[in-house]
């Protein structure tokens, strides 16, 4: 087997490793973004509930 074929195989393995590593990092970043957007949504819901509680309590007085 020629020496350059060994280099090609090593290059293919390195490329596969880098592809998997990058995919994992992208998934982690995507998950963090989704969690942040979900938290913003939950904060808005909580603010709306608080506004409704204030309206109900001011109407009850």
Protein backbone atom coordinates (compact mmCIF):
# COMPACT_ATOMS: atom_id res chain seq x y z
CA UNK A 1 0.00 0.00 0.00
CA UNK A 2 1.51 3.36 -1.00
CA UNK A 3 2.25 5.90 1.73
CA UNK A 4 -0.04 8.51 0.19
CA UNK A 5 -3.05 6.19 0.59
CA UNK A 6 -2.38 6.14 4.33
CA UNK A 7 -2.47 9.95 4.30
CA UNK A 8 -5.80 9.88 2.45
CA UNK A 9 -7.30 7.50 5.01
CA UNK A 10 -6.02 9.63 7.89
CA UNK A 11 -7.48 12.72 6.18
CA UNK A 12 -10.86 11.04 5.80
CA UNK A 13 -10.88 10.00 9.46
CA UNK A 14 -9.90 13.51 10.58
CA UNK A 15 -12.61 15.02 8.40
CA UNK A 16 -15.22 12.69 9.89
CA UNK A 17 -14.10 13.57 13.42
CA UNK A 18 -14.28 17.30 12.73
CA UNK A 19 -17.74 16.92 11.16
CA UNK A 20 -19.07 15.09 14.22
CA UNK A 21 -17.48 17.60 16.61
CA UNK A 22 -18.93 20.56 14.74
CA UNK A 23 -22.39 18.97 14.61
CA UNK A 24 -22.30 18.44 18.38
CA UNK A 25 -21.27 22.05 19.02
CA UNK A 26 -24.00 23.37 16.72
CA UNK A 27 -26.61 21.25 18.50
CA UNK A 28 -25.51 22.63 21.88
CA UNK A 29 -25.71 26.22 20.61
CA UNK A 30 -29.13 25.58 19.06
CA UNK A 31 -30.40 24.07 22.31
CA UNK A 32 -29.18 27.09 24.27
CA UNK A 33 -30.94 29.48 21.87
CA UNK A 34 -34.19 27.51 22.08
CA UNK A 35 -34.04 27.49 25.88
CA UNK A 36 -33.43 31.25 25.94
CA UNK A 37 -36.37 31.91 23.62
CA UNK A 38 -38.56 29.64 25.74
CA UNK A 39 -37.59 31.54 28.88
CA UNK A 40 -38.49 34.86 27.22
CA UNK A 41 -41.89 33.41 26.29
CA UNK A 42 -42.49 32.15 29.84
CA UNK A 43 -41.50 35.57 31.24
CA UNK A 44 -44.07 37.24 28.98
CA UNK A 45 -46.76 34.82 30.13
CA UNK A 46 -45.92 35.52 33.77
CA UNK A 47 -46.04 39.30 33.16
CA UNK A 48 -49.47 38.92 31.55
CA UNK A 49 -50.72 36.87 34.51
CA UNK A 50 -49.47 39.52 36.92
CA UNK A 51 -51.24 42.27 34.96
CA UNK A 52 -54.47 40.26 35.06
CA UNK A 53 -54.11 39.71 38.81
CA UNK A 54 -53.67 43.45 39.33
CA UNK A 55 -56.73 44.24 37.19
CA UNK A 56 -58.84 41.67 39.05
CA UNK A 57 -57.67 42.90 42.46
CA UNK A 58 -58.31 46.57 41.53
CA UNK A 59 -61.80 45.70 40.21
CA UNK A 60 -62.60 43.70 43.37
CA UNK A 61 -61.86 46.67 45.65
